[in-house]
Amino acid sequence: MSVDDATPGIPSVEVDPQQFDAMVDDEADDPEEILAEVDFDTNLGLSMAEDAKRVSRGELTGDEYWEKYDAAAAAEFGEEYHETPNPAIDRAEQTVSAETAASLGCSIGSMCDVASELDSDVNPDDDAPRWGMVIDLQKCVGCDSCTVACKSENRTPPGVSYNVVMEEEHGEFPNVTRTNLPRPCMQCENPPCVQVCPVSATYKMENGVVNIDYDRCIGCRYCMIGCPYGARYFDFGENYDEEVQGSGDVTSPEYKVDRGDREAGKSPIGNVRKCSFCMHRLERGEEPACVETCVGDARNMGDLNDAGGEAAELADSNRSFQLKEGEGTDPNVYYLK
C-alpha cells in the first residue's frame, strides 16, 4: 500500500519497525537532565544504566556488573545498599550467581523471595500465566483513550502517564498518514531497570510483570535512564487539585496497597512509577484499563504461555515485532505492523 492509497489517520503497513524505535528515541528525555536534581552521583548513574543495558544485550554478565559496581554502590548508597536483598540469586535465569552474591556488600537473600510470595497470592497453582500485550498498529486511531483510562484508573499525578501514544506523520498534504505508537511499560524479560536498581526496589515477577516496591525505592532515578523505552516516571508530588475538585479523594489501587492521601515524603511521592499491566485488575480477572477502553480494539491482553490463546497467537504471527529488539530486553509487549 502506498501513501497515496492510505486512509488518513491509519498507519502505512510499509513503515519499517526501526522507525518506531526512532520514535521512542526522539521522545526520550536527556539522561543528565533526569538526574540533575537527584542527590546521588550522576556519573555513577549514567555508567550503571549503560552497563545494565549491556547486560540485557548479553555483552556483560550480571556477575561482572555487580563486581564492577559493588564498592561504588556501597559508598554512594550506604546503609540502604547494605540492607538490599540481592535481586536475582535464586532464579533459573540468574543475573547474579550465589558465589558473586556472597562477595557483595549487600545482603544475601533475594528480592525474588518477595516476588514469589506475591506470585503465590496471585497464582496459587503452578500454572501461572506470563502476561503479555499485543497492540495492533493498524487499529490504533490515536484517540488517547488508553492514556486517559490509565490515568483515571491508577490516579497518576501530573507528569506521570503510564500509557502514552506517540505520533508521527508521513507524506505531504493531501496524501498524509499518521503512525500512532502506544507505549506502556514493556514488562521486559531481561529488564535493565531491575539490573541497575541499587536497592532492589524494582523486580520481575514470574507472571512477566515488572513491579516497583515503593517502600524500598529511594528515588535515585537510575532505572529511568536504564529503561530503553522511557517508560518510567518520577512522582514529584504534584496534584490536579486546582483542575479537578476532589481529585485526590480516590487513591491509587496499585499493588493492592491503599496509601491514603498524597502527602510530601510519603510514597509514592518521591518514587519512580510505571505501568504494571493493572495488576490489581488482572487479579480480579479483569483486563487492564487501557485494553478495556480501547475504542479501536487495538489491544489484546493474554497469557503468552497459552499457545492456543489469541494473544500468544498474535505475538507469534508474521506481523508481530517488538520495540528495540536489538536491546535484548525481550519485551512482553508486541506490536502488529
Protein backbone atom coordinates (compact mmCIF):
# COMPACT_ATOMS: atom_id res chain seq x y z
CA MET A 1 0.00 0.00 0.00
CA SER A 2 1.41 3.40 -0.98
CA VAL A 3 0.98 6.63 0.91
CA ASP A 4 -1.33 7.81 -1.86
CA ASP A 5 -3.65 4.86 -1.26
CA ALA A 6 -3.60 5.06 2.53
CA THR A 7 -6.51 6.25 4.62
CA PRO A 8 -5.75 9.41 6.65
CA GLY A 9 -5.12 8.56 10.28
CA ILE A 10 -4.25 4.93 9.55
CA PRO A 11 -0.56 3.94 9.55
CA SER A 12 1.03 2.60 6.39
CA VAL A 13 1.93 -1.10 6.51
CA GLU A 14 5.21 -0.23 4.81
CA VAL A 15 6.56 1.66 7.82
CA ASP A 16 9.80 -0.01 8.94
CA PRO A 17 9.69 -1.25 12.56
CA GLN A 18 13.02 0.53 13.11
CA GLN A 19 11.15 3.77 12.53
CA PHE A 20 9.16 3.03 15.68
CA ASP A 21 12.44 2.61 17.58
CA ALA A 22 13.43 6.06 16.34
CA MET A 23 10.11 7.48 17.57
CA VAL A 24 10.89 6.17 21.06
CA ASP A 25 14.38 7.68 20.96
CA ASP A 26 13.01 11.03 19.77
CA GLU A 27 10.65 11.18 22.77
CA ALA A 28 13.34 10.22 25.30
CA ASP A 29 14.40 12.76 27.92
CA ASP A 30 18.05 13.63 28.35
CA PRO A 31 19.56 11.29 30.99
CA GLU A 32 21.64 14.03 32.57
CA GLU A 33 18.58 16.26 32.91
CA ILE A 34 16.68 13.41 34.59
CA LEU A 35 19.46 13.07 37.18
CA ALA A 36 20.16 16.79 37.53
CA GLU A 37 18.04 17.23 40.66
CA VAL A 38 18.97 13.90 42.23
CA ASP A 39 21.25 13.95 45.26
CA PHE A 40 23.07 10.84 44.11
CA ASP A 41 26.09 10.62 41.77
CA THR A 42 25.04 11.42 38.18
CA ASN A 43 28.14 9.88 36.58
CA LEU A 44 27.65 6.68 38.54
CA GLY A 45 24.02 6.52 37.43
CA LEU A 46 24.91 7.07 33.78
CA SER A 47 27.57 4.38 33.90
CA MET A 48 25.42 1.85 35.77
CA ALA A 49 22.48 2.42 33.43
CA GLU A 50 24.56 1.97 30.29
CA ASP A 51 26.14 -1.21 31.60
CA ALA A 52 22.72 -2.52 32.70
CA LYS A 53 21.67 -2.29 29.06
CA ARG A 54 24.82 -4.21 28.11
CA VAL A 55 23.74 -6.97 30.49
CA SER A 56 20.39 -7.17 28.70
CA ARG A 57 22.19 -7.36 25.36
CA GLY A 58 24.40 -10.17 26.63
CA GLU A 59 27.58 -8.10 26.40
CA LEU A 60 28.20 -8.21 30.15
CA THR A 61 27.23 -10.75 32.80
CA GLY A 62 25.35 -9.91 35.97
CA ASP A 63 28.33 -11.12 37.99
CA GLU A 64 30.68 -8.79 36.10
CA TYR A 65 28.20 -5.94 36.53
CA TRP A 66 27.91 -6.14 40.30
CA GLU A 67 31.57 -6.94 40.82
CA LYS A 68 32.26 -3.68 38.96
CA TYR A 69 29.75 -1.54 40.87
CA ASP A 70 29.57 -3.12 44.33
CA ALA A 71 32.10 -0.82 46.00
CA ALA A 72 30.77 2.32 44.29
CA ALA A 73 27.17 1.48 45.17
CA ALA A 74 28.11 0.77 48.77
CA ALA A 75 29.94 4.10 49.02
CA GLU A 76 27.14 6.07 47.36
CA PHE A 77 24.08 4.49 48.97
CA GLY A 78 25.49 3.33 52.29
CA GLU A 79 23.13 1.50 54.62
CA GLU A 80 20.34 1.40 52.05
CA TYR A 81 22.62 -0.62 49.78
CA HIS A 82 23.99 -2.81 52.57
CA GLU A 83 20.46 -3.81 53.57
CA THR A 84 19.47 -4.55 49.97
CA PRO A 85 18.42 -8.13 49.27
CA ASN A 86 20.31 -9.37 46.23
CA PRO A 87 17.99 -9.15 43.22
CA ALA A 88 18.44 -12.49 41.47
CA ILE A 89 20.35 -15.34 43.11
CA ASP A 90 17.55 -17.88 43.30
CA ARG A 91 16.07 -17.98 39.81
CA ALA A 92 16.81 -20.16 36.81
CA GLU A 93 17.54 -17.02 34.79
CA GLN A 94 20.02 -15.75 37.38
CA THR A 95 21.55 -12.37 36.87
CA VAL A 96 23.91 -12.84 39.81
CA SER A 97 25.37 -16.16 40.95
CA ALA A 98 25.23 -17.20 44.58
CA GLU A 99 29.04 -17.08 44.71
CA THR A 100 29.19 -13.49 43.50
CA ALA A 101 26.29 -12.50 45.74
CA ALA A 102 28.20 -13.79 48.75
CA SER A 103 31.07 -11.45 47.93
CA LEU A 104 28.97 -8.30 47.58
CA GLY A 105 28.32 -5.61 50.15
CA CYS A 106 24.55 -6.10 50.02
CA SER A 107 22.61 -8.69 51.99
CA ILE A 108 22.26 -12.32 50.96
CA GLY A 109 18.62 -13.13 50.34
CA SER A 110 16.76 -12.43 47.18
CA MET A 111 14.18 -9.81 46.31
CA CYS A 112 12.73 -12.63 44.24
CA ASP A 113 11.53 -14.16 47.51
CA VAL A 114 9.16 -11.20 47.78
CA ALA A 115 8.12 -11.59 44.16
CA SER A 116 7.50 -15.30 44.67
CA GLU A 117 5.25 -14.59 47.65
CA LEU A 118 3.23 -12.12 45.59
CA ASP A 119 3.07 -14.60 42.73
CA SER A 120 1.73 -17.30 45.03
CA ASP A 121 -1.03 -14.95 46.15
CA VAL A 122 -1.94 -14.09 42.58
CA ASN A 123 -1.39 -17.53 41.05
CA PRO A 124 -1.80 -20.17 43.78
CA ASP A 125 -1.33 -23.03 41.31
CA ASP A 126 1.79 -23.89 39.33
CA ASP A 127 0.17 -23.00 36.02
CA ALA A 128 0.97 -19.29 36.30
CA PRO A 129 0.38 -17.10 33.25
CA ARG A 130 3.01 -14.93 31.59
CA TRP A 131 1.06 -11.80 30.91
CA GLY A 132 1.63 -10.07 27.61
CA MET A 133 0.00 -7.41 25.49
CA VAL A 134 -0.33 -7.25 21.70
CA ILE A 135 -1.08 -3.86 20.12
CA ASP A 136 -2.35 -3.73 16.52
CA LEU A 137 -0.96 -0.56 14.98
CA GLN A 138 -3.41 -0.84 12.07
CA LYS A 139 -6.29 -0.47 14.52
CA CYS A 140 -4.92 2.29 16.74
CA VAL A 141 -6.60 5.56 15.77
CA GLY A 142 -4.63 7.76 18.17
CA CYS A 143 -7.64 8.72 20.28
CA ASP A 144 -5.62 8.60 23.54
CA SER A 145 -8.46 6.82 25.36
CA CYS A 146 -5.82 4.43 26.75
CA THR A 147 -3.90 7.34 28.22
CA VAL A 148 -6.99 8.82 29.87
CA ALA A 149 -8.27 5.46 31.13
CA CYS A 150 -4.89 4.66 32.64
CA LYS A 151 -4.63 7.97 34.44
CA SER A 152 -8.16 7.61 35.76
CA GLU A 153 -7.65 4.01 36.88
CA ASN A 154 -4.26 4.50 38.53
CA ARG A 155 -4.83 8.08 39.74
CA THR A 156 -1.49 9.18 38.35
CA PRO A 157 -0.41 12.78 39.06
CA PRO A 158 0.70 15.45 36.56
CA GLY A 159 3.81 14.38 34.69
CA VAL A 160 3.14 10.66 35.22
CA SER A 161 1.44 8.82 32.36
CA TYR A 162 1.93 5.07 32.21
CA ASN A 163 0.39 4.89 28.74
CA VAL A 164 1.30 7.41 26.07
CA VAL A 165 0.64 7.44 22.33
CA MET A 166 3.49 8.72 20.19
CA GLU A 167 2.54 10.17 16.80
CA GLU A 168 4.36 10.72 13.53
CA GLU A 169 3.05 11.95 10.18
CA HIS A 170 4.12 10.65 6.77
CA GLY A 171 3.71 12.15 3.31
CA GLU A 172 2.56 15.58 2.22
CA PHE A 173 -0.92 17.08 2.18
CA PRO A 174 -3.35 15.85 1.00
CA ASN A 175 -1.69 12.41 0.95
CA VAL A 176 -0.88 12.20 4.63
CA THR A 177 -0.90 9.26 7.00
CA ARG A 178 -0.26 9.18 10.72
CA THR A 179 1.57 6.49 12.65
CA ASN A 180 0.33 6.04 16.21
CA LEU A 181 2.59 4.18 18.64
CA PRO A 182 1.04 3.38 22.04
CA ARG A 183 3.74 2.74 24.63
CA PRO A 184 3.06 1.16 28.02
CA CYS A 185 5.83 -0.42 30.10
CA MET A 186 7.29 -3.27 28.04
CA GLN A 187 7.47 -5.68 31.03
CA CYS A 188 10.78 -6.97 29.68
CA GLU A 189 12.05 -10.49 30.21
CA ASN A 190 15.58 -9.04 30.60
CA PRO A 191 14.86 -5.64 32.16
CA PRO A 192 17.79 -3.22 32.58
CA CYS A 193 15.74 -1.36 35.19
CA VAL A 194 15.95 -4.37 37.51
CA GLN A 195 19.67 -4.75 36.92
CA VAL A 196 20.51 -1.11 37.61
CA CYS A 197 18.47 -0.59 40.79
CA PRO A 198 20.97 -0.32 43.66
CA VAL A 199 18.39 -1.18 46.33
CA SER A 200 16.36 -3.87 44.52
CA ALA A 201 13.23 -1.74 44.60
CA THR A 202 12.21 -2.94 41.16
CA TYR A 203 11.88 -6.65 40.44
CA LYS A 204 10.37 -9.05 37.97
CA MET A 205 7.58 -11.46 38.89
CA GLU A 206 7.16 -14.94 37.42
CA ASN A 207 3.99 -13.77 35.66
CA GLY A 208 6.03 -11.44 33.44
CA VAL A 209 5.21 -8.17 35.19
CA VAL A 210 7.95 -5.87 36.47
CA ASN A 211 6.92 -4.19 39.72
CA ILE A 212 8.26 -1.45 41.98
CA ASP A 213 8.38 -1.61 45.77
CA TYR A 214 7.58 1.98 46.71
CA ASP A 215 8.68 1.41 50.29
CA ARG A 216 12.15 0.36 49.13
CA CYS A 217 12.55 2.88 46.26
CA ILE A 218 14.89 5.77 47.19
CA GLY A 219 14.13 7.87 44.11
CA CYS A 220 17.64 7.76 42.62
CA ARG A 221 16.05 7.52 39.14
CA TYR A 222 18.84 5.32 37.78
CA CYS A 223 16.16 2.95 36.48
CA MET A 224 14.58 5.77 34.49
CA ILE A 225 17.69 6.25 32.39
CA GLY A 226 18.28 2.49 32.26
CA CYS A 227 14.92 1.91 30.56
CA PRO A 228 15.42 1.93 26.75
CA TYR A 229 11.73 2.84 26.26
CA GLY A 230 11.33 5.89 28.52
CA ALA A 231 8.50 4.12 30.33
CA ARG A 232 9.32 5.25 33.88
CA TYR A 233 8.36 8.49 35.60
CA PHE A 234 9.21 10.26 38.83
CA ASP A 235 6.45 11.35 41.19
CA PHE A 236 7.30 14.92 42.23
CA GLY A 237 4.19 15.21 44.41
CA GLU A 238 2.10 17.35 42.08
CA ASN A 239 -1.70 17.13 42.07
CA TYR A 240 -4.72 18.02 39.93
CA ASP A 241 -6.46 19.77 42.83
CA GLU A 242 -6.75 23.09 41.00
CA GLU A 243 -8.08 21.49 37.81
CA VAL A 244 -10.42 18.89 39.33
CA GLN A 245 -12.24 19.36 42.61
CA GLY A 246 -11.78 16.32 44.84
CA SER A 247 -9.18 14.79 42.51
CA GLY A 248 -7.34 13.27 45.47
CA ASP A 249 -10.40 11.75 47.11
CA VAL A 250 -9.83 8.37 45.45
CA THR A 251 -6.38 6.86 45.89
CA SER A 252 -4.39 4.64 43.56
CA PRO A 253 -5.14 0.90 43.76
CA GLU A 254 -1.62 -0.03 42.65
CA TYR A 255 -0.11 -3.18 44.14
CA LYS A 256 -3.21 -3.66 46.33
CA VAL A 257 -1.95 -1.03 48.80
CA ASP A 258 -4.19 1.83 49.96
CA ARG A 259 -1.72 4.58 50.79
CA GLY A 260 -4.33 7.17 51.69
CA ASP A 261 -3.94 10.87 51.00
CA ARG A 262 -0.96 12.10 48.99
CA GLU A 263 1.46 13.79 51.37
CA ALA A 264 5.01 15.06 50.94
CA GLY A 265 7.55 12.47 52.00
CA LYS A 266 5.01 9.67 51.73
CA SER A 267 5.12 7.04 48.96
CA PRO A 268 4.55 7.08 46.08
CA ILE A 269 5.66 10.74 46.18
CA GLY A 270 9.41 10.68 45.70
CA ASN A 271 9.29 7.31 43.94
CA VAL A 272 9.67 6.16 40.37
CA ARG A 273 6.39 4.88 38.91
CA LYS A 274 5.37 2.85 35.87
CA CYS A 275 2.69 0.72 34.24
CA SER A 276 2.13 -2.64 35.93
CA PHE A 277 -0.42 -4.01 33.42
CA CYS A 278 -3.03 -3.01 36.05
CA MET A 279 -2.04 -5.97 38.23
CA HIS A 280 -4.88 -5.23 40.63
CA ARG A 281 -7.36 -5.68 37.75
CA LEU A 282 -5.69 -8.83 36.40
CA GLU A 283 -6.02 -10.40 39.84
CA ARG A 284 -9.77 -9.77 39.69
CA GLY A 285 -10.00 -11.43 36.28
CA GLU A 286 -10.36 -8.08 34.50
CA GLU A 287 -8.40 -6.57 31.64
CA PRO A 288 -6.11 -3.56 32.15
CA ALA A 289 -7.96 -0.27 31.88
CA CYS A 290 -6.23 0.63 28.61
CA VAL A 291 -7.33 -2.65 26.99
CA GLU A 292 -10.92 -2.39 28.20
CA THR A 293 -11.25 1.19 27.00
CA CYS A 294 -9.55 0.97 23.56
CA VAL A 295 -12.17 2.18 21.09
CA GLY A 296 -10.38 0.62 18.13
CA ASP A 297 -9.99 -2.78 19.82
CA ALA A 298 -6.27 -2.42 19.10
CA ARG A 299 -5.08 -4.05 22.33
CA ASN A 300 -5.16 -7.72 23.24
CA MET A 301 -4.14 -8.98 26.68
CA GLY A 302 -3.45 -12.59 27.49
CA ASP A 303 -1.19 -15.40 28.65
CA LEU A 304 1.81 -15.72 26.33
CA ASN A 305 2.38 -19.25 27.67
CA ASP A 306 -1.00 -20.32 26.32
CA ALA A 307 -0.04 -21.28 22.77
CA GLY A 308 -3.70 -21.55 21.77
CA GLY A 309 -4.68 -18.18 23.20
CA GLU A 310 -5.32 -15.19 20.98
CA ALA A 311 -2.56 -13.04 22.50
CA ALA A 312 0.08 -15.76 22.08
CA GLU A 313 -1.01 -16.47 18.52
CA LEU A 314 -0.88 -12.79 17.58
CA ALA A 315 2.52 -12.37 19.24
CA ASP A 316 3.80 -15.28 17.14
CA SER A 317 2.32 -14.02 13.85
CA ASN A 318 4.38 -12.74 10.93
CA ARG A 319 3.01 -9.24 11.57
CA SER A 320 4.46 -9.19 15.08
CA PHE A 321 7.54 -7.30 16.25
CA GLN A 322 8.98 -5.89 19.47
CA LEU A 323 10.34 -2.42 20.06
CA LYS A 324 14.12 -2.17 20.09
CA GLU A 325 14.71 -5.87 19.53
CA GLY A 326 18.46 -5.22 19.39
CA GLU A 327 18.46 -4.23 23.09
CA GLY A 328 17.97 -7.86 24.12
CA THR A 329 15.22 -6.92 26.58
CA ASP A 330 12.66 -9.34 25.03
CA PRO A 331 9.54 -7.28 25.91
CA ASN A 332 6.21 -8.90 26.77
CA VAL A 333 4.53 -6.17 24.69
CA TYR A 334 4.26 -6.99 20.99
CA TYR A 335 3.11 -4.85 18.08
CA LEU A 336 1.39 -5.82 14.85
CA LYS A 337 2.59 -3.85 11.82
